[in-house]
Structures are given as structure tokens and as C-alpha cells.
Amino acid sequence: MTTGNAAEKFSTWNYFKASIGSALASVVRAFNTNKASWVGLVMFLVVVILALLAPIVAPHDPIEQNIFDKLQGPSAEYWLGTDTFGRDIFSRIIWGARISLAIAVFSIAAAMVIGTIIGLLAGYIGGRFDVIVMQAMDVLLAFPGLILGLIVVAMLGPSITNLAVAIAITAVPPFARIARAPTIAVKDREFIDAGRALGYSDRRLIFGHILPNIAPEVLVMGSLWLATAIRVEASLAFVGLGVNPPTPTWGGMIREGFESILDSYWLALCPSVAILIVVLGLNLLGDGLRDAVDPRLKGEE
């Protein structure tokens, strides 16, 4: 019995790896067809690398105040100028990327895992369980993402962890929906029936055969929701429910610079452009991933 379980796990893992390899090859082909996807990938990776290397790349301490240099425009010393406390805007943007990306990645990763599992189980089990679970997801979907995030952060308090939890809660229902629909279609296909006839367990069918078939669609959703998470985090920070200052975040920087936007436009403009670059890069990346998983586009190649 133990040998059989080990062989089943090994076979499931091999099938999963083969499916992922095939998906990656499809993504590369789609990116070569849609060159803008490579641009989006490079834009996103540049921001990620700058965020990871912030202690090395940032020329100044992001929270160090120099009141004598306050509200200076872009110059050789301060590439993007300084804020009302004399802090370097460029350094704060790089360090702020760490916070924004960390919140977005962890929240969407959690939402992707939880939502995908919920959608898989609901679609595979079906019946009353499917109805109850999806009705619960519909209740969450009835709240706009930003409003639901405001409610959660207002209840839990502003912090990096609470922001990630709030964004994850808003993103779980879409992932559950995107996972459920293809699960219902895949579970009735011939190879799933063949697996049942061979005595495969439900766990092996779900995670070894159904999940690899729906994973590309979930990943596309994940890339697009990363951009949404960054916007939501910036929006929450803008209304004062983000990470407490002086920790730099893009939304907090826009909020601080909004009051002086007519006199010192760079305070709000620079972090806004940073958000624009990341969101644009993720959207271009998502387009390429969508091309890779869209069967209609595959048929055109």
C-alpha cells in the first residue's frame, strides 16, 4: 500500500512537471508573437530588481530628513527632488517599491492559493456544496474591492500584514470563479473518467490532472490582479489607511505630495509614474499570458 502511494505521488509529480513545462513553452511562443509582452516583463523585472537592491541602489536614506534641502527640484544630487522634509524622492520610491510589491505579491499569492482551492473543490464536488460556496463568493463580490479593503483595514488597523489580508480577501472570489468554471469543464473529460476507472484518488485527479489544466488561466488572473493589488494598496495609503509614516509607500507619497502639487509637482508625479510603469508592465505581461492560454489564439498560429 505504501509503495502504491509513493508510485502514485511520483507519477502525479511527473505529470505536473510535464504540464508546467508545456505551459512555459506555450508562454514563450506567445511572447515571441506579442513582442509587447516581453516589454512588460522587462518593465516589471526592472522594478523588482531595483526594489530588491534598494540598499545598494538608493543614493540616500529614505527616511533621513534634511530640512535645509526641502522641496528641491530634480538635480544631480537629488535625481527626482526632495519632499517637504528634505527626503530624497528617488530613494523613497525605490524603498516604497519594496512595500508595494511585497504587499501585492503576498496578498495575491494567498488569494490565488485559497481561491483556486475553493474553486477546484466547488467545481469538482458540485451539488449543494458548489451552490453554497459560490453564493458566499458572490456576497464578497457584491462589495467593490476598494470598499471591502477599506472595511477590513479600518477594522484591523493599518499595517503591512493587514493590508495584505484586506487585499487577499477582495481577490479570493475572482480566483474561485476563474478556477471553478474550467474545473467543471475538465472533470467531465475522457482522461478524468479514465483516471477514475483506473482507481485514481480524488486528490490525484484534482491536483495532478485538473489543476495543471486550469493553472495557466489562474496565472493570467494572477498577473492582472497584481496590478490591481498595487492600485488598491496605493488607494488605501492615499486615504490614510496604508503603512504608517515615515515608512515610504507609493500611495503615501502621493498623499503627502498632493497638497503641494501646484508648487512641487514632482512629489506626487514621481510615485504616480512608478505605479503607472508597474501596472502597465503587468498588463502587457498579462496580455502575453492570455495569448498563451487562449485556445482561439492558439488555433491561429
C-alpha atoms as a PDB file:
ATOM      1  CA  MET A   1       0.000   0.000   0.000  1.00  0.00           C
ATOM      2  CA  THR A   2       2.840   2.350   0.862  1.00  0.00           C
ATOM      3  CA  THR A   3       4.646   1.517  -2.380  1.00  0.00           C
ATOM      4  CA  GLY A   4       1.483   2.206  -4.358  1.00  0.00           C
ATOM      5  CA  ASN A   5       1.003   5.611  -2.731  1.00  0.00           C
ATOM      6  CA  ALA A   6       4.622   6.542  -3.401  1.00  0.00           C
ATOM      7  CA  ALA A   7       4.323   5.491  -7.037  1.00  0.00           C
ATOM      8  CA  GLU A   8       1.113   7.487  -7.367  1.00  0.00           C
ATOM      9  CA  LYS A   9       2.720  10.605  -5.909  1.00  0.00           C
ATOM     10  CA  PHE A  10       5.757  10.206  -8.194  1.00  0.00           C
ATOM     11  CA  SER A  11       3.558   9.782 -11.269  1.00  0.00           C
ATOM     12  CA  THR A  12       1.428  12.788 -10.284  1.00  0.00           C
ATOM     13  CA  TRP A  13       4.539  14.938  -9.763  1.00  0.00           C
ATOM     14  CA  ASN A  14       5.979  13.927 -13.141  1.00  0.00           C
ATOM     15  CA  TYR A  15       2.701  14.692 -14.889  1.00  0.00           C
ATOM     16  CA  PHE A  16       2.527  18.046 -13.143  1.00  0.00           C
ATOM     17  CA  LYS A  17       6.100  18.939 -14.166  1.00  0.00           C
ATOM     18  CA  ALA A  18       5.436  17.925 -17.765  1.00  0.00           C
ATOM     19  CA  SER A  19       2.294  20.076 -17.839  1.00  0.00           C
ATOM     20  CA  ILE A  20       4.141  23.082 -16.418  1.00  0.00           C
ATOM     21  CA  GLY A  21       6.952  22.636 -18.962  1.00  0.00           C
ATOM     22  CA  SER A  22       4.451  22.545 -21.803  1.00  0.00           C
ATOM     23  CA  ALA A  23       2.751  25.670 -20.440  1.00  0.00           C
ATOM     24  CA  LEU A  24       6.069  27.548 -20.241  1.00  0.00           C
ATOM     25  CA  ALA A  25       6.870  26.631 -23.845  1.00  0.00           C
ATOM     26  CA  SER A  26       3.454  27.944 -24.884  1.00  0.00           C
ATOM     27  CA  VAL A  27       4.096  31.192 -22.995  1.00  0.00           C
ATOM     28  CA  VAL A  28       7.432  31.720 -24.762  1.00  0.00           C
ATOM     29  CA  ARG A  29       5.780  31.180 -28.162  1.00  0.00           C
ATOM     30  CA  ALA A  30       3.023  33.656 -27.298  1.00  0.00           C
ATOM     31  CA  PHE A  31       5.545  36.227 -26.078  1.00  0.00           C
ATOM     32  CA  ASN A  32       7.514  35.893 -29.306  1.00  0.00           C
ATOM     33  CA  THR A  33       4.314  36.590 -31.218  1.00  0.00           C
ATOM     34  CA  ASN A  34       3.283  39.502 -28.997  1.00  0.00           C
ATOM     35  CA  LYS A  35       6.535  41.434 -28.517  1.00  0.00           C
ATOM     36  CA  ALA A  36       4.878  43.893 -26.120  1.00  0.00           C
ATOM     37  CA  SER A  37       4.703  41.066 -23.580  1.00  0.00           C
ATOM     38  CA  TRP A  38       8.493  40.989 -23.391  1.00  0.00           C
ATOM     39  CA  VAL A  39       8.465  44.742 -22.817  1.00  0.00           C
ATOM     40  CA  GLY A  40       6.005  44.294 -19.955  1.00  0.00           C
ATOM     41  CA  LEU A  41       8.101  41.513 -18.456  1.00  0.00           C
ATOM     42  CA  VAL A  42      11.269  43.629 -18.622  1.00  0.00           C
ATOM     43  CA  MET A  43       9.492  46.654 -17.078  1.00  0.00           C
ATOM     44  CA  PHE A  44       8.226  44.576 -14.188  1.00  0.00           C
ATOM     45  CA  LEU A  45      11.549  42.805 -13.624  1.00  0.00           C
ATOM     46  CA  VAL A  46      13.453  46.114 -13.593  1.00  0.00           C
ATOM     47  CA  VAL A  47      11.203  47.422 -10.821  1.00  0.00           C
ATOM     48  CA  VAL A  48      11.544  44.157  -8.889  1.00  0.00           C
ATOM     49  CA  ILE A  49      15.350  44.202  -9.190  1.00  0.00           C
ATOM     50  CA  LEU A  50      15.529  47.843  -8.076  1.00  0.00           C
ATOM     51  CA  ALA A  51      13.334  47.020  -5.085  1.00  0.00           C
ATOM     52  CA  LEU A  52      15.469  44.028  -4.108  1.00  0.00           C
ATOM     53  CA  LEU A  53      18.674  46.074  -4.456  1.00  0.00           C
ATOM     54  CA  ALA A  54      17.266  49.146  -2.694  1.00  0.00           C
ATOM     55  CA  PRO A  55      20.003  49.242  -0.011  1.00  0.00           C
ATOM     56  CA  ILE A  56      22.610  49.354  -2.786  1.00  0.00           C
ATOM     57  CA  VAL A  57      20.848  51.402  -5.463  1.00  0.00           C
ATOM     58  CA  ALA A  58      19.188  54.088  -3.326  1.00  0.00           C
ATOM     59  CA  PRO A  59      21.604  57.053  -3.015  1.00  0.00           C
ATOM     60  CA  HIS A  60      20.112  58.348   0.272  1.00  0.00           C
ATOM     61  CA  ASP A  61      18.383  57.107   3.391  1.00  0.00           C
ATOM     62  CA  PRO A  62      14.643  57.134   2.564  1.00  0.00           C
ATOM     63  CA  ILE A  63      13.593  58.426   6.000  1.00  0.00           C
ATOM     64  CA  GLU A  64      16.513  60.751   6.744  1.00  0.00           C
ATOM     65  CA  GLN A  65      15.307  64.339   6.990  1.00  0.00           C
ATOM     66  CA  ASN A  66      17.307  67.356   5.833  1.00  0.00           C
ATOM     67  CA  ILE A  67      15.179  70.411   6.400  1.00  0.00           C
ATOM     68  CA  PHE A  68      17.672  72.666   4.582  1.00  0.00           C
ATOM     69  CA  ASP A  69      17.108  70.739   1.332  1.00  0.00           C
ATOM     70  CA  LYS A  70      13.327  70.561   1.481  1.00  0.00           C
ATOM     71  CA  LEU A  71      11.236  70.927  -1.696  1.00  0.00           C
ATOM     72  CA  GLN A  72      14.214  70.974  -4.036  1.00  0.00           C
ATOM     73  CA  GLY A  73      13.551  70.153  -7.667  1.00  0.00           C
ATOM     74  CA  PRO A  74      15.309  67.389  -9.598  1.00  0.00           C
ATOM     75  CA  SER A  75      19.071  67.876  -9.562  1.00  0.00           C
ATOM     76  CA  ALA A  76      22.356  65.968  -9.787  1.00  0.00           C
ATOM     77  CA  GLU A  77      22.266  65.232  -6.051  1.00  0.00           C
ATOM     78  CA  TYR A  78      18.542  64.545  -5.820  1.00  0.00           C
ATOM     79  CA  TRP A  79      17.521  62.981  -9.122  1.00  0.00           C
ATOM     80  CA  LEU A  80      13.785  63.356  -8.516  1.00  0.00           C
ATOM     81  CA  GLY A  81      13.879  66.201  -5.997  1.00  0.00           C
ATOM     82  CA  THR A  82      13.055  66.220  -2.285  1.00  0.00           C
ATOM     83  CA  ASP A  83       9.851  66.355  -0.257  1.00  0.00           C
ATOM     84  CA  THR A  84       8.696  68.725   2.479  1.00  0.00           C
ATOM     85  CA  PHE A  85      11.081  67.111   4.965  1.00  0.00           C
ATOM     86  CA  GLY A  86      14.098  67.142   2.642  1.00  0.00           C
ATOM     87  CA  ARG A  87      13.945  63.399   1.958  1.00  0.00           C
ATOM     88  CA  ASP A  88      15.145  62.100  -1.390  1.00  0.00           C
ATOM     89  CA  ILE A  89      12.177  61.172  -3.605  1.00  0.00           C
ATOM     90  CA  PHE A  90      14.130  58.695  -5.754  1.00  0.00           C
ATOM     91  CA  SER A  91      15.320  56.747  -2.708  1.00  0.00           C
ATOM     92  CA  ARG A  92      11.824  56.724  -1.235  1.00  0.00           C
ATOM     93  CA  ILE A  93      10.338  55.434  -4.493  1.00  0.00           C
ATOM     94  CA  ILE A  94      12.826  52.551  -4.628  1.00  0.00           C
ATOM     95  CA  TRP A  95      12.241  51.612  -0.994  1.00  0.00           C
ATOM     96  CA  GLY A  96       8.497  52.151  -1.446  1.00  0.00           C
ATOM     97  CA  ALA A  97       8.558  49.619  -4.273  1.00  0.00           C
ATOM     98  CA  ARG A  98       9.570  47.007  -1.710  1.00  0.00           C
ATOM     99  CA  ILE A  99       6.466  47.672   0.379  1.00  0.00           C
ATOM    100  CA  SER A 100       4.047  47.894  -2.532  1.00  0.00           C
ATOM    101  CA  LEU A 101       5.379  44.811  -4.313  1.00  0.00           C
ATOM    102  CA  ALA A 102       5.604  42.782  -1.093  1.00  0.00           C
ATOM    103  CA  ILE A 103       2.000  43.542  -0.191  1.00  0.00           C
ATOM    104  CA  ALA A 104       0.815  42.833  -3.738  1.00  0.00           C
ATOM    105  CA  VAL A 105       2.767  39.582  -4.157  1.00  0.00           C
ATOM    106  CA  PHE A 106       1.889  38.077  -0.779  1.00  0.00           C
ATOM    107  CA  SER A 107      -1.774  39.087  -0.949  1.00  0.00           C
ATOM    108  CA  ILE A 108      -2.282  37.798  -4.495  1.00  0.00           C
ATOM    109  CA  ALA A 109      -0.303  34.616  -3.794  1.00  0.00           C
ATOM    110  CA  ALA A 110      -2.526  33.910  -0.797  1.00  0.00           C
ATOM    111  CA  ALA A 111      -5.678  34.758  -2.745  1.00  0.00           C
ATOM    112  CA  MET A 112      -4.532  32.611  -5.670  1.00  0.00           C
ATOM    113  CA  VAL A 113      -3.926  29.556  -3.477  1.00  0.00           C
ATOM    114  CA  ILE A 114      -7.084  29.929  -1.394  1.00  0.00           C
ATOM    115  CA  GLY A 115      -9.340  30.936  -4.274  1.00  0.00           C
ATOM    116  CA  THR A 116      -8.032  28.205  -6.579  1.00  0.00           C
ATOM    117  CA  ILE A 117      -8.567  25.515  -3.943  1.00  0.00           C
ATOM    118  CA  ILE A 118     -12.086  26.787  -3.267  1.00  0.00           C
ATOM    119  CA  GLY A 119     -12.892  26.865  -6.985  1.00  0.00           C
ATOM    120  CA  LEU A 120     -11.388  23.424  -7.582  1.00  0.00           C
ATOM    121  CA  LEU A 121     -13.359  21.810  -4.756  1.00  0.00           C
ATOM    122  CA  ALA A 122     -16.592  23.598  -5.627  1.00  0.00           C
ATOM    123  CA  GLY A 123     -16.360  22.672  -9.304  1.00  0.00           C
ATOM    124  CA  TYR A 124     -15.244  19.090  -8.666  1.00  0.00           C
ATOM    125  CA  ILE A 125     -17.695  18.236  -5.860  1.00  0.00           C
ATOM    126  CA  GLY A 126     -20.622  20.176  -7.315  1.00  0.00           C
ATOM    127  CA  GLY A 127     -24.140  19.937  -5.966  1.00  0.00           C
ATOM    128  CA  ARG A 128     -25.213  21.804  -2.857  1.00  0.00           C
ATOM    129  CA  PHE A 129     -21.599  22.376  -1.776  1.00  0.00           C
ATOM    130  CA  ASP A 130     -20.924  24.229  -5.035  1.00  0.00           C
ATOM    131  CA  VAL A 131     -24.039  26.368  -4.633  1.00  0.00           C
ATOM    132  CA  ILE A 132     -23.286  27.361  -1.027  1.00  0.00           C
ATOM    133  CA  VAL A 133     -19.624  28.157  -1.696  1.00  0.00           C
ATOM    134  CA  MET A 134     -20.314  30.200  -4.810  1.00  0.00           C
ATOM    135  CA  GLN A 135     -23.097  32.127  -3.094  1.00  0.00           C
ATOM    136  CA  ALA A 136     -20.614  33.050  -0.366  1.00  0.00           C
ATOM    137  CA  MET A 137     -18.193  34.203  -3.065  1.00  0.00           C
ATOM    138  CA  ASP A 138     -20.976  36.246  -4.682  1.00  0.00           C
ATOM    139  CA  VAL A 139     -21.570  38.027  -1.368  1.00  0.00           C
ATOM    140  CA  LEU A 140     -17.918  39.112  -1.308  1.00  0.00           C
ATOM    141  CA  LEU A 141     -18.049  40.057  -4.992  1.00  0.00           C
ATOM    142  CA  ALA A 142     -21.002  42.346  -4.252  1.00  0.00           C
ATOM    143  CA  PHE A 143     -18.608  44.699  -2.447  1.00  0.00           C
ATOM    144  CA  PRO A 144     -16.278  46.771  -4.641  1.00  0.00           C
ATOM    145  CA  GLY A 145     -12.696  45.729  -3.986  1.00  0.00           C
ATOM    146  CA  LEU A 146     -11.614  49.111  -2.635  1.00  0.00           C
ATOM    147  CA  ILE A 147     -14.633  49.391  -0.329  1.00  0.00           C
ATOM    148  CA  LEU A 148     -14.094  45.896   1.052  1.00  0.00           C
ATOM    149  CA  GLY A 149     -10.426  46.699   1.564  1.00  0.00           C
ATOM    150  CA  LEU A 150     -11.361  49.898   3.406  1.00  0.00           C
ATOM    151  CA  ILE A 151     -13.689  47.943   5.706  1.00  0.00           C
ATOM    152  CA  VAL A 152     -11.089  45.292   6.529  1.00  0.00           C
ATOM    153  CA  VAL A 153      -8.221  47.740   7.129  1.00  0.00           C
ATOM    154  CA  ALA A 154     -10.462  50.038   9.169  1.00  0.00           C
ATOM    155  CA  MET A 155     -11.377  47.064  11.386  1.00  0.00           C
ATOM    156  CA  LEU A 156      -7.876  45.599  11.713  1.00  0.00           C
ATOM    157  CA  GLY A 157      -5.827  48.792  11.617  1.00  0.00           C
ATOM    158  CA  PRO A 158      -3.226  49.984   9.089  1.00  0.00           C
ATOM    159  CA  SER A 159      -0.173  47.735   8.782  1.00  0.00           C
ATOM    160  CA  ILE A 160       1.616  45.745   6.097  1.00  0.00           C
ATOM    161  CA  THR A 161       0.055  42.473   7.262  1.00  0.00           C
ATOM    162  CA  ASN A 162      -3.452  43.876   7.497  1.00  0.00           C
ATOM    163  CA  LEU A 163      -3.157  45.483   4.067  1.00  0.00           C
ATOM    164  CA  ALA A 164      -2.122  42.137   2.573  1.00  0.00           C
ATOM    165  CA  VAL A 165      -5.019  40.393   4.339  1.00  0.00           C
ATOM    166  CA  ALA A 166      -7.509  43.003   3.122  1.00  0.00           C
ATOM    167  CA  ILE A 167      -6.372  42.779  -0.497  1.00  0.00           C
ATOM    168  CA  ALA A 168      -6.285  38.969  -0.350  1.00  0.00           C
ATOM    169  CA  ILE A 169      -9.891  38.854   0.876  1.00  0.00           C
ATOM    170  CA  THR A 170     -11.019  41.034  -2.026  1.00  0.00           C
ATOM    171  CA  ALA A 171      -9.156  38.839  -4.543  1.00  0.00           C
ATOM    172  CA  VAL A 172     -10.257  35.383  -3.352  1.00  0.00           C
ATOM    173  CA  PRO A 173     -13.721  35.395  -5.044  1.00  0.00           C
ATOM    174  CA  PRO A 174     -12.412  36.167  -8.571  1.00  0.00           C
ATOM    175  CA  PHE A 175      -9.835  33.384  -8.294  1.00  0.00           C
ATOM    176  CA  ALA A 176     -12.501  30.991  -7.044  1.00  0.00           C
ATOM    177  CA  ARG A 177     -14.667  31.873 -10.031  1.00  0.00           C
ATOM    178  CA  ILE A 178     -11.854  31.582 -12.553  1.00  0.00           C
ATOM    179  CA  ALA A 179     -10.851  28.172 -11.139  1.00  0.00           C
ATOM    180  CA  ARG A 180     -14.372  26.752 -10.827  1.00  0.00           C
ATOM    181  CA  ALA A 181     -15.518  27.234 -14.423  1.00  0.00           C
ATOM    182  CA  PRO A 182     -12.721  25.267 -16.163  1.00  0.00           C
ATOM    183  CA  THR A 183     -12.797  22.649 -13.387  1.00  0.00           C
ATOM    184  CA  ILE A 184     -16.408  21.858 -14.267  1.00  0.00           C
ATOM    185  CA  ALA A 185     -15.435  21.510 -17.929  1.00  0.00           C
ATOM    186  CA  VAL A 186     -12.309  19.427 -17.309  1.00  0.00           C
ATOM    187  CA  LYS A 187     -13.755  16.997 -14.762  1.00  0.00           C
ATOM    188  CA  ASP A 188     -16.118  15.511 -17.373  1.00  0.00           C
ATOM    189  CA  ARG A 189     -13.428  14.901 -19.995  1.00  0.00           C
ATOM    190  CA  GLU A 190     -12.374  11.433 -21.047  1.00  0.00           C
ATOM    191  CA  PHE A 191      -8.960  11.346 -19.357  1.00  0.00           C
ATOM    192  CA  ILE A 192     -10.577  12.143 -15.971  1.00  0.00           C
ATOM    193  CA  ASP A 193     -13.076   9.310 -16.496  1.00  0.00           C
ATOM    194  CA  ALA A 194     -10.160   7.041 -17.408  1.00  0.00           C
ATOM    195  CA  GLY A 195      -8.384   8.027 -14.196  1.00  0.00           C
ATOM    196  CA  ARG A 196     -11.445   7.172 -12.154  1.00  0.00           C
ATOM    197  CA  ALA A 197     -11.668   3.826 -13.926  1.00  0.00           C
ATOM    198  CA  LEU A 198      -8.028   3.139 -13.009  1.00  0.00           C
ATOM    199  CA  GLY A 199      -8.777   3.855  -9.372  1.00  0.00           C
ATOM    200  CA  TYR A 200      -7.042   7.221  -9.055  1.00  0.00           C
ATOM    201  CA  SER A 201      -7.890   9.106  -5.865  1.00  0.00           C
ATOM    202  CA  ASP A 202      -9.821  12.368  -5.950  1.00  0.00           C
ATOM    203  CA  ARG A 203      -6.716  14.170  -4.690  1.00  0.00           C
ATOM    204  CA  ARG A 204      -4.662  12.880  -7.604  1.00  0.00           C
ATOM    205  CA  LEU A 205      -7.352  13.785 -10.110  1.00  0.00           C
ATOM    206  CA  ILE A 206      -7.770  17.291  -8.693  1.00  0.00           C
ATOM    207  CA  PHE A 207      -4.143  18.290  -8.119  1.00  0.00           C
ATOM    208  CA  GLY A 208      -2.403  16.038 -10.624  1.00  0.00           C
ATOM    209  CA  HIS A 209      -4.702  16.315 -13.637  1.00  0.00           C
ATOM    210  CA  ILE A 210      -7.278  19.097 -13.258  1.00  0.00           C
ATOM    211  CA  LEU A 211      -5.021  21.720 -11.640  1.00  0.00           C
ATOM    212  CA  PRO A 212      -2.331  21.650 -14.389  1.00  0.00           C
ATOM    213  CA  ASN A 213      -5.062  22.191 -16.982  1.00  0.00           C
ATOM    214  CA  ILE A 214      -6.509  25.255 -15.261  1.00  0.00           C
ATOM    215  CA  ALA A 215      -3.219  26.671 -13.896  1.00  0.00           C
ATOM    216  CA  PRO A 216      -2.484  28.879 -16.953  1.00  0.00           C
ATOM    217  CA  GLU A 217      -5.809  30.704 -16.604  1.00  0.00           C
ATOM    218  CA  VAL A 218      -5.208  31.219 -12.884  1.00  0.00           C
ATOM    219  CA  LEU A 219      -1.711  32.590 -13.565  1.00  0.00           C
ATOM    220  CA  VAL A 220      -3.092  35.061 -16.104  1.00  0.00           C
ATOM    221  CA  MET A 221      -5.567  36.226 -13.500  1.00  0.00           C
ATOM    222  CA  GLY A 222      -2.737  36.488 -11.001  1.00  0.00           C
ATOM    223  CA  SER A 223      -0.659  38.787 -13.205  1.00  0.00           C
ATOM    224  CA  LEU A 224      -3.615  41.092 -13.759  1.00  0.00           C
ATOM    225  CA  TRP A 225      -4.582  41.105 -10.091  1.00  0.00           C
ATOM    226  CA  LEU A 226      -1.032  42.020  -9.113  1.00  0.00           C
ATOM    227  CA  ALA A 227      -1.620  45.324 -10.868  1.00  0.00           C
ATOM    228  CA  THR A 228      -4.979  45.672  -9.116  1.00  0.00           C
ATOM    229  CA  ALA A 229      -3.384  44.938  -5.733  1.00  0.00           C
ATOM    230  CA  ILE A 230      -0.796  47.673  -6.260  1.00  0.00           C
ATOM    231  CA  ARG A 231      -3.548  50.151  -7.141  1.00  0.00           C
ATOM    232  CA  VAL A 232      -5.652  49.149  -4.138  1.00  0.00           C
ATOM    233  CA  GLU A 233      -2.667  49.447  -1.783  1.00  0.00           C
ATOM    234  CA  ALA A 234      -1.887  52.892  -3.176  1.00  0.00           C
ATOM    235  CA  SER A 235      -5.545  53.930  -2.843  1.00  0.00           C
ATOM    236  CA  LEU A 236      -5.717  52.769   0.779  1.00  0.00           C
ATOM    237  CA  ALA A 237      -2.468  54.582   1.574  1.00  0.00           C
ATOM    238  CA  PHE A 238      -3.783  57.709  -0.149  1.00  0.00           C
ATOM    239  CA  VAL A 239      -6.801  57.868   2.186  1.00  0.00           C
ATOM    240  CA  GLY A 240      -4.626  57.312   5.248  1.00  0.00           C
ATOM    241  CA  LEU A 241      -5.125  53.565   5.759  1.00  0.00           C
ATOM    242  CA  GLY A 242      -1.749  52.453   4.483  1.00  0.00           C
ATOM    243  CA  VAL A 243       1.524  51.750   6.248  1.00  0.00           C
ATOM    244  CA  ASN A 244       2.236  54.327   8.933  1.00  0.00           C
ATOM    245  CA  PRO A 245       4.818  57.020   8.077  1.00  0.00           C
ATOM    246  CA  PRO A 246       7.731  57.557   7.789  1.00  0.00           C
ATOM    247  CA  THR A 247       7.860  54.190   6.006  1.00  0.00           C
ATOM    248  CA  PRO A 248       7.781  55.090   2.283  1.00  0.00           C
ATOM    249  CA  THR A 249       4.929  53.752   0.155  1.00  0.00           C
ATOM    250  CA  TRP A 250       3.853  54.969  -3.257  1.00  0.00           C
ATOM    251  CA  GLY A 251       0.309  55.790  -2.178  1.00  0.00           C
ATOM    252  CA  GLY A 252       1.536  57.573   0.934  1.00  0.00           C
ATOM    253  CA  MET A 253       3.964  59.632  -1.136  1.00  0.00           C
ATOM    254  CA  ILE A 254       1.175  60.700  -3.485  1.00  0.00           C
ATOM    255  CA  ARG A 255      -0.930  61.683  -0.490  1.00  0.00           C
ATOM    256  CA  GLU A 256       1.902  63.731   1.019  1.00  0.00           C
ATOM    257  CA  GLY A 257       2.613  65.466  -2.293  1.00  0.00           C
ATOM    258  CA  PHE A 258      -0.998  66.167  -3.218  1.00  0.00           C
ATOM    259  CA  GLU A 259      -1.201  69.254  -1.029  1.00  0.00           C
ATOM    260  CA  SER A 260       1.799  70.818  -2.795  1.00  0.00           C
ATOM    261  CA  ILE A 261       1.048  69.594  -6.303  1.00  0.00           C
ATOM    262  CA  LEU A 262       0.856  73.107  -7.811  1.00  0.00           C
ATOM    263  CA  ASP A 263       4.194  74.239  -6.371  1.00  0.00           C
ATOM    264  CA  SER A 264       6.116  70.947  -6.193  1.00  0.00           C
ATOM    265  CA  TYR A 265       4.562  68.716  -8.818  1.00  0.00           C
ATOM    266  CA  TRP A 266       7.303  66.047  -8.582  1.00  0.00           C
ATOM    267  CA  LEU A 267       6.157  64.990  -5.092  1.00  0.00           C
ATOM    268  CA  ALA A 268       3.006  63.345  -6.435  1.00  0.00           C
ATOM    269  CA  LEU A 269       4.042  62.870 -10.068  1.00  0.00           C
ATOM    270  CA  CYS A 270       7.084  60.634  -9.498  1.00  0.00           C
ATOM    271  CA  PRO A 271       5.364  57.926  -7.396  1.00  0.00           C
ATOM    272  CA  SER A 272       2.378  58.093  -9.750  1.00  0.00           C
ATOM    273  CA  VAL A 273       4.667  57.357 -12.699  1.00  0.00           C
ATOM    274  CA  ALA A 274       6.182  54.450 -10.735  1.00  0.00           C
ATOM    275  CA  ILE A 275       2.715  52.958 -10.252  1.00  0.00           C
ATOM    276  CA  LEU A 276       1.949  53.550 -13.933  1.00  0.00           C
ATOM    277  CA  ILE A 277       5.107  51.711 -15.031  1.00  0.00           C
ATOM    278  CA  VAL A 278       4.403  48.663 -12.870  1.00  0.00           C
ATOM    279  CA  VAL A 279       0.709  48.472 -13.772  1.00  0.00           C
ATOM    280  CA  LEU A 280       1.442  48.914 -17.480  1.00  0.00           C
ATOM    281  CA  GLY A 281       4.153  46.262 -17.349  1.00  0.00           C
ATOM    282  CA  LEU A 282       1.862  43.782 -15.595  1.00  0.00           C
ATOM    283  CA  ASN A 283      -0.971  44.439 -18.049  1.00  0.00           C
ATOM    284  CA  LEU A 284       1.339  43.854 -21.028  1.00  0.00           C
ATOM    285  CA  LEU A 285       2.620  40.712 -19.320  1.00  0.00           C
ATOM    286  CA  GLY A 286      -0.941  39.567 -18.701  1.00  0.00           C
ATOM    287  CA  ASP A 287      -1.808  40.067 -22.372  1.00  0.00           C
ATOM    288  CA  GLY A 288       1.020  37.748 -23.344  1.00  0.00           C
ATOM    289  CA  LEU A 289      -0.058  35.125 -20.830  1.00  0.00           C
ATOM    290  CA  ARG A 290      -3.631  35.404 -22.080  1.00  0.00           C
ATOM    291  CA  ASP A 291      -2.449  34.813 -25.644  1.00  0.00           C
ATOM    292  CA  ALA A 292      -0.647  31.696 -24.430  1.00  0.00           C
ATOM    293  CA  VAL A 293      -3.739  30.130 -22.856  1.00  0.00           C
ATOM    294  CA  ASP A 294      -6.454  31.337 -25.261  1.00  0.00           C
ATOM    295  CA  PRO A 295      -7.373  28.329 -27.427  1.00  0.00           C
ATOM    296  CA  ARG A 296      -8.747  30.557 -30.164  1.00  0.00           C
ATOM    297  CA  LEU A 297      -5.414  32.353 -30.489  1.00  0.00           C
ATOM    298  CA  LYS A 298      -3.569  29.052 -30.405  1.00  0.00           C
ATOM    299  CA  GLY A 299      -5.580  27.922 -33.365  1.00  0.00           C
ATOM    300  CA  GLU A 300      -4.391  30.923 -35.356  1.00  0.00           C
ATOM    301  CA  GLU A 301      -0.690  30.034 -35.011  1.00  0.00           C
END
